[in-house]
Amino acid sequence: MKLKGLLPLMLLLVACDRQPMPATSAPEKPAATQGQAAPVAAAQSPQEFWSKFRVAALAGDHAALQGIARFPFVTRGTDDDDPNVSHDEAAFAGLLPKILAQDTGLTRDGETMREYIERHPDLPSVAVGGGQFVPVAADAAQFSAGTLNFEKIDNRWYWVLAYLE
């Protein structure tokens, strides 16, 4: 007699074009559609970026540095009237030794950019004038370290510019 009760239930389910879900299965999550935006990755902090950049620079990992540089990569001289020079990815590898070997101009005895990067495991503070320095803000959109400039574009940090003598 219990079958008589199940028969109408089965007919009702078939009529509704639905199938019963096993009690042990979890509901499926809807698949992403083309109209939905992909999840946004957490923004990388300036310190996280600096640490990644530092490891690559000290290891001489040109591929990693190229991966975090924005192209065209820009260099310019140290004078205000020096023009910006754009470089493509092919020219970038040739620039790296020059950039890392040049003097930062920040010490009396001289210090290469490589030495500067090695000396700063933490992101260098920003000079604000009058001998005062402040840490780079966690929500900064750009920062400089020695002769290098970095910029946050679309929630991602890039190495965008280097000053060359």
C-alpha atoms as a PDB file:
ATOM      1  CA  MET A   1       0.000   0.000   0.000  1.00  0.00           C
ATOM      2  CA  LYS A   2       2.921   2.309   0.437  1.00  0.00           C
ATOM      3  CA  LEU A   3       3.508   2.090  -3.323  1.00  0.00           C
ATOM      4  CA  LYS A   4       0.195   3.819  -3.967  1.00  0.00           C
ATOM      5  CA  GLY A   5       1.513   6.947  -2.187  1.00  0.00           C
ATOM      6  CA  LEU A   6       4.776   6.933  -4.082  1.00  0.00           C
ATOM      7  CA  LEU A   7       3.147   6.593  -7.486  1.00  0.00           C
ATOM      8  CA  PRO A   8       1.369   9.971  -7.365  1.00  0.00           C
ATOM      9  CA  LEU A   9       4.561  11.593  -6.064  1.00  0.00           C
ATOM     10  CA  MET A  10       6.600  10.156  -8.940  1.00  0.00           C
ATOM     11  CA  LEU A  11       3.986  11.260 -11.444  1.00  0.00           C
ATOM     12  CA  LEU A  12       4.024  14.742  -9.982  1.00  0.00           C
ATOM     13  CA  LEU A  13       7.798  14.934 -10.262  1.00  0.00           C
ATOM     14  CA  VAL A  14       7.776  13.692 -13.851  1.00  0.00           C
ATOM     15  CA  ALA A  15       5.003  16.135 -14.729  1.00  0.00           C
ATOM     16  CA  CYS A  16       7.061  19.009 -13.344  1.00  0.00           C
ATOM     17  CA  ASP A  17      10.123  17.741 -15.235  1.00  0.00           C
ATOM     18  CA  ARG A  18      12.107  17.675 -12.028  1.00  0.00           C
ATOM     19  CA  GLN A  19      14.093  14.913 -10.563  1.00  0.00           C
ATOM     20  CA  PRO A  20      14.557  14.355  -6.872  1.00  0.00           C
ATOM     21  CA  MET A  21      17.954  15.217  -5.477  1.00  0.00           C
ATOM     22  CA  PRO A  22      19.682  12.596  -3.352  1.00  0.00           C
ATOM     23  CA  ALA A  23      19.686  13.575   0.309  1.00  0.00           C
ATOM     24  CA  THR A  24      23.480  13.258   0.564  1.00  0.00           C
ATOM     25  CA  SER A  25      24.312  15.614  -2.334  1.00  0.00           C
ATOM     26  CA  ALA A  26      25.079  19.252  -1.722  1.00  0.00           C
ATOM     27  CA  PRO A  27      23.366  21.754  -4.008  1.00  0.00           C
ATOM     28  CA  GLU A  28      25.440  22.650  -7.031  1.00  0.00           C
ATOM     29  CA  LYS A  29      26.823  26.145  -7.291  1.00  0.00           C
ATOM     30  CA  PRO A  30      25.729  27.967 -10.419  1.00  0.00           C
ATOM     31  CA  ALA A  31      28.415  28.127 -13.073  1.00  0.00           C
ATOM     32  CA  ALA A  32      29.780  31.547 -13.977  1.00  0.00           C
ATOM     33  CA  THR A  33      28.222  33.040 -17.039  1.00  0.00           C
ATOM     34  CA  GLN A  34      29.792  35.305 -19.591  1.00  0.00           C
ATOM     35  CA  GLY A  35      27.972  38.294 -18.142  1.00  0.00           C
ATOM     36  CA  GLN A  36      29.451  37.802 -14.680  1.00  0.00           C
ATOM     37  CA  ALA A  37      32.770  39.359 -13.795  1.00  0.00           C
ATOM     38  CA  ALA A  38      35.611  37.110 -12.708  1.00  0.00           C
ATOM     39  CA  PRO A  39      36.492  37.327  -9.026  1.00  0.00           C
ATOM     40  CA  VAL A  40      38.904  40.160  -8.326  1.00  0.00           C
ATOM     41  CA  ALA A  41      42.204  39.082  -6.821  1.00  0.00           C
ATOM     42  CA  ALA A  42      43.245  40.758  -3.621  1.00  0.00           C
ATOM     43  CA  ALA A  43      45.316  43.848  -4.286  1.00  0.00           C
ATOM     44  CA  GLN A  44      49.038  43.367  -3.806  1.00  0.00           C
ATOM     45  CA  SER A  45      50.525  45.714  -1.226  1.00  0.00           C
ATOM     46  CA  PRO A  46      53.519  47.880  -2.128  1.00  0.00           C
ATOM     47  CA  GLN A  47      55.658  45.808   0.295  1.00  0.00           C
ATOM     48  CA  GLU A  48      54.583  42.510  -1.312  1.00  0.00           C
ATOM     49  CA  PHE A  49      55.477  43.896  -4.720  1.00  0.00           C
ATOM     50  CA  TRP A  50      58.816  45.258  -3.494  1.00  0.00           C
ATOM     51  CA  SER A  51      59.719  41.865  -1.999  1.00  0.00           C
ATOM     52  CA  LYS A  52      58.947  40.122  -5.293  1.00  0.00           C
ATOM     53  CA  PHE A  53      60.856  42.759  -7.279  1.00  0.00           C
ATOM     54  CA  ARG A  54      63.816  42.597  -4.873  1.00  0.00           C
ATOM     55  CA  VAL A  55      64.153  38.820  -5.130  1.00  0.00           C
ATOM     56  CA  ALA A  56      64.099  38.990  -8.935  1.00  0.00           C
ATOM     57  CA  ALA A  57      66.554  41.915  -9.117  1.00  0.00           C
ATOM     58  CA  LEU A  58      69.087  40.354  -6.724  1.00  0.00           C
ATOM     59  CA  ALA A  59      68.863  37.002  -8.515  1.00  0.00           C
ATOM     60  CA  GLY A  60      69.351  38.678 -11.898  1.00  0.00           C
ATOM     61  CA  ASP A  61      66.111  37.051 -13.034  1.00  0.00           C
ATOM     62  CA  HIS A  62      65.505  39.005 -16.230  1.00  0.00           C
ATOM     63  CA  ALA A  63      62.359  37.029 -17.101  1.00  0.00           C
ATOM     64  CA  ALA A  64      60.754  37.782 -13.727  1.00  0.00           C
ATOM     65  CA  LEU A  65      61.685  41.460 -13.975  1.00  0.00           C
ATOM     66  CA  GLN A  66      60.288  41.592 -17.488  1.00  0.00           C
ATOM     67  CA  GLY A  67      57.092  40.037 -16.144  1.00  0.00           C
ATOM     68  CA  ILE A  68      56.581  42.860 -13.656  1.00  0.00           C
ATOM     69  CA  ALA A  69      57.651  45.703 -15.943  1.00  0.00           C
ATOM     70  CA  ARG A  70      55.143  47.698 -17.992  1.00  0.00           C
ATOM     71  CA  PHE A  71      55.919  48.148 -21.661  1.00  0.00           C
ATOM     72  CA  PRO A  72      56.874  50.335 -23.248  1.00  0.00           C
ATOM     73  CA  PHE A  73      59.343  50.664 -20.358  1.00  0.00           C
ATOM     74  CA  VAL A  74      60.532  54.244 -19.883  1.00  0.00           C
ATOM     75  CA  THR A  75      63.972  55.581 -19.066  1.00  0.00           C
ATOM     76  CA  ARG A  76      65.035  59.144 -18.756  1.00  0.00           C
ATOM     77  CA  GLY A  77      68.091  61.104 -17.764  1.00  0.00           C
ATOM     78  CA  THR A  78      68.635  62.662 -14.382  1.00  0.00           C
ATOM     79  CA  ASP A  79      68.047  66.244 -15.560  1.00  0.00           C
ATOM     80  CA  ASP A  80      64.534  67.679 -15.639  1.00  0.00           C
ATOM     81  CA  ASP A  81      64.828  68.529 -19.336  1.00  0.00           C
ATOM     82  CA  ASP A  82      65.967  65.012 -20.338  1.00  0.00           C
ATOM     83  CA  PRO A  83      63.399  63.318 -22.582  1.00  0.00           C
ATOM     84  CA  ASN A  84      61.596  60.074 -21.823  1.00  0.00           C
ATOM     85  CA  VAL A  85      62.848  57.158 -23.922  1.00  0.00           C
ATOM     86  CA  SER A  86      60.520  54.205 -24.514  1.00  0.00           C
ATOM     87  CA  HIS A  87      61.873  50.658 -24.723  1.00  0.00           C
ATOM     88  CA  ASP A  88      60.174  47.483 -25.900  1.00  0.00           C
ATOM     89  CA  GLU A  89      60.556  44.049 -24.316  1.00  0.00           C
ATOM     90  CA  ALA A  90      63.453  43.133 -26.623  1.00  0.00           C
ATOM     91  CA  ALA A  91      65.539  46.110 -25.445  1.00  0.00           C
ATOM     92  CA  PHE A  92      64.660  45.642 -21.769  1.00  0.00           C
ATOM     93  CA  ALA A  93      67.155  42.846 -21.021  1.00  0.00           C
ATOM     94  CA  GLY A  94      69.989  45.047 -22.292  1.00  0.00           C
ATOM     95  CA  LEU A  95      68.953  47.878 -19.967  1.00  0.00           C
ATOM     96  CA  LEU A  96      68.901  45.822 -16.765  1.00  0.00           C
ATOM     97  CA  PRO A  97      72.672  45.643 -16.146  1.00  0.00           C
ATOM     98  CA  LYS A  98      72.978  49.416 -16.703  1.00  0.00           C
ATOM     99  CA  ILE A  99      70.064  50.208 -14.413  1.00  0.00           C
ATOM    100  CA  LEU A 100      71.292  48.004 -11.569  1.00  0.00           C
ATOM    101  CA  ALA A 101      74.959  49.103 -11.869  1.00  0.00           C
ATOM    102  CA  GLN A 102      74.370  52.855 -11.864  1.00  0.00           C
ATOM    103  CA  ASP A 103      74.946  55.021  -8.796  1.00  0.00           C
ATOM    104  CA  THR A 104      71.805  55.974  -6.910  1.00  0.00           C
ATOM    105  CA  GLY A 105      73.178  59.423  -6.100  1.00  0.00           C
ATOM    106  CA  LEU A 106      71.819  58.995  -2.583  1.00  0.00           C
ATOM    107  CA  THR A 107      75.046  58.425  -0.653  1.00  0.00           C
ATOM    108  CA  ARG A 108      78.284  60.341  -0.382  1.00  0.00           C
ATOM    109  CA  ASP A 109      80.424  57.250  -1.010  1.00  0.00           C
ATOM    110  CA  GLY A 110      78.362  55.956  -3.909  1.00  0.00           C
ATOM    111  CA  GLU A 111      76.027  52.998  -4.037  1.00  0.00           C
ATOM    112  CA  THR A 112      74.758  51.028  -7.004  1.00  0.00           C
ATOM    113  CA  MET A 113      71.057  50.348  -7.436  1.00  0.00           C
ATOM    114  CA  ARG A 114      71.782  46.667  -6.822  1.00  0.00           C
ATOM    115  CA  GLU A 115      73.430  47.537  -3.475  1.00  0.00           C
ATOM    116  CA  TYR A 116      70.508  49.824  -2.640  1.00  0.00           C
ATOM    117  CA  ILE A 117      67.996  47.055  -3.370  1.00  0.00           C
ATOM    118  CA  GLU A 118      70.053  44.584  -1.339  1.00  0.00           C
ATOM    119  CA  ARG A 119      70.216  47.019   1.589  1.00  0.00           C
ATOM    120  CA  HIS A 120      66.425  47.446   1.648  1.00  0.00           C
ATOM    121  CA  PRO A 121      64.588  44.190   2.401  1.00  0.00           C
ATOM    122  CA  ASP A 122      61.665  46.394   3.421  1.00  0.00           C
ATOM    123  CA  LEU A 123      60.212  48.955   1.085  1.00  0.00           C
ATOM    124  CA  PRO A 124      62.295  52.152   1.368  1.00  0.00           C
ATOM    125  CA  SER A 125      60.631  55.156   2.993  1.00  0.00           C
ATOM    126  CA  VAL A 126      59.619  58.137   0.906  1.00  0.00           C
ATOM    127  CA  ALA A 127      61.455  61.442   1.326  1.00  0.00           C
ATOM    128  CA  VAL A 128      58.985  64.235   2.016  1.00  0.00           C
ATOM    129  CA  GLY A 129      61.501  67.057   2.391  1.00  0.00           C
ATOM    130  CA  GLY A 130      63.272  68.664   5.293  1.00  0.00           C
ATOM    131  CA  GLY A 131      65.056  65.423   6.108  1.00  0.00           C
ATOM    132  CA  GLN A 132      61.719  63.740   6.824  1.00  0.00           C
ATOM    133  CA  PHE A 133      60.732  60.284   5.558  1.00  0.00           C
ATOM    134  CA  VAL A 134      57.436  58.410   5.700  1.00  0.00           C
ATOM    135  CA  PRO A 135      56.595  54.808   4.842  1.00  0.00           C
ATOM    136  CA  VAL A 136      54.870  54.127   1.537  1.00  0.00           C
ATOM    137  CA  ALA A 137      51.134  54.018   2.270  1.00  0.00           C
ATOM    138  CA  ALA A 138      49.423  50.644   1.874  1.00  0.00           C
ATOM    139  CA  ASP A 139      46.949  52.251  -0.555  1.00  0.00           C
ATOM    140  CA  ALA A 140      49.598  54.119  -2.574  1.00  0.00           C
ATOM    141  CA  ALA A 141      49.228  54.206  -6.350  1.00  0.00           C
ATOM    142  CA  GLN A 142      52.929  54.790  -7.018  1.00  0.00           C
ATOM    143  CA  PHE A 143      56.281  54.915  -5.280  1.00  0.00           C
ATOM    144  CA  SER A 144      59.946  55.469  -6.035  1.00  0.00           C
ATOM    145  CA  ALA A 145      62.933  53.559  -4.723  1.00  0.00           C
ATOM    146  CA  GLY A 146      66.283  55.045  -5.610  1.00  0.00           C
ATOM    147  CA  THR A 147      66.262  55.675  -9.351  1.00  0.00           C
ATOM    148  CA  LEU A 148      63.286  53.385 -10.006  1.00  0.00           C
ATOM    149  CA  ASN A 149      59.583  54.204 -10.248  1.00  0.00           C
ATOM    150  CA  PHE A 150      56.702  51.800  -9.710  1.00  0.00           C
ATOM    151  CA  GLU A 151      53.007  52.286 -10.385  1.00  0.00           C
ATOM    152  CA  LYS A 152      49.791  50.464  -9.554  1.00  0.00           C
ATOM    153  CA  ILE A 153      47.617  50.016 -12.634  1.00  0.00           C
ATOM    154  CA  ASP A 154      44.296  48.142 -12.514  1.00  0.00           C
ATOM    155  CA  ASN A 155      45.080  46.750  -9.052  1.00  0.00           C
ATOM    156  CA  ARG A 156      48.497  45.421 -10.154  1.00  0.00           C
ATOM    157  CA  TRP A 157      51.962  46.848  -9.506  1.00  0.00           C
ATOM    158  CA  TYR A 158      54.407  47.446 -12.353  1.00  0.00           C
ATOM    159  CA  TRP A 159      57.962  48.710 -12.689  1.00  0.00           C
ATOM    160  CA  VAL A 160      57.414  51.615 -15.086  1.00  0.00           C
ATOM    161  CA  LEU A 161      60.509  53.829 -15.186  1.00  0.00           C
ATOM    162  CA  ALA A 162      64.215  54.010 -14.417  1.00  0.00           C
ATOM    163  CA  TYR A 163      66.450  57.077 -14.412  1.00  0.00           C
ATOM    164  CA  LEU A 164      69.694  56.508 -16.301  1.00  0.00           C
ATOM    165  CA  GLU A 165      72.745  58.765 -16.244  1.00  0.00           C
END
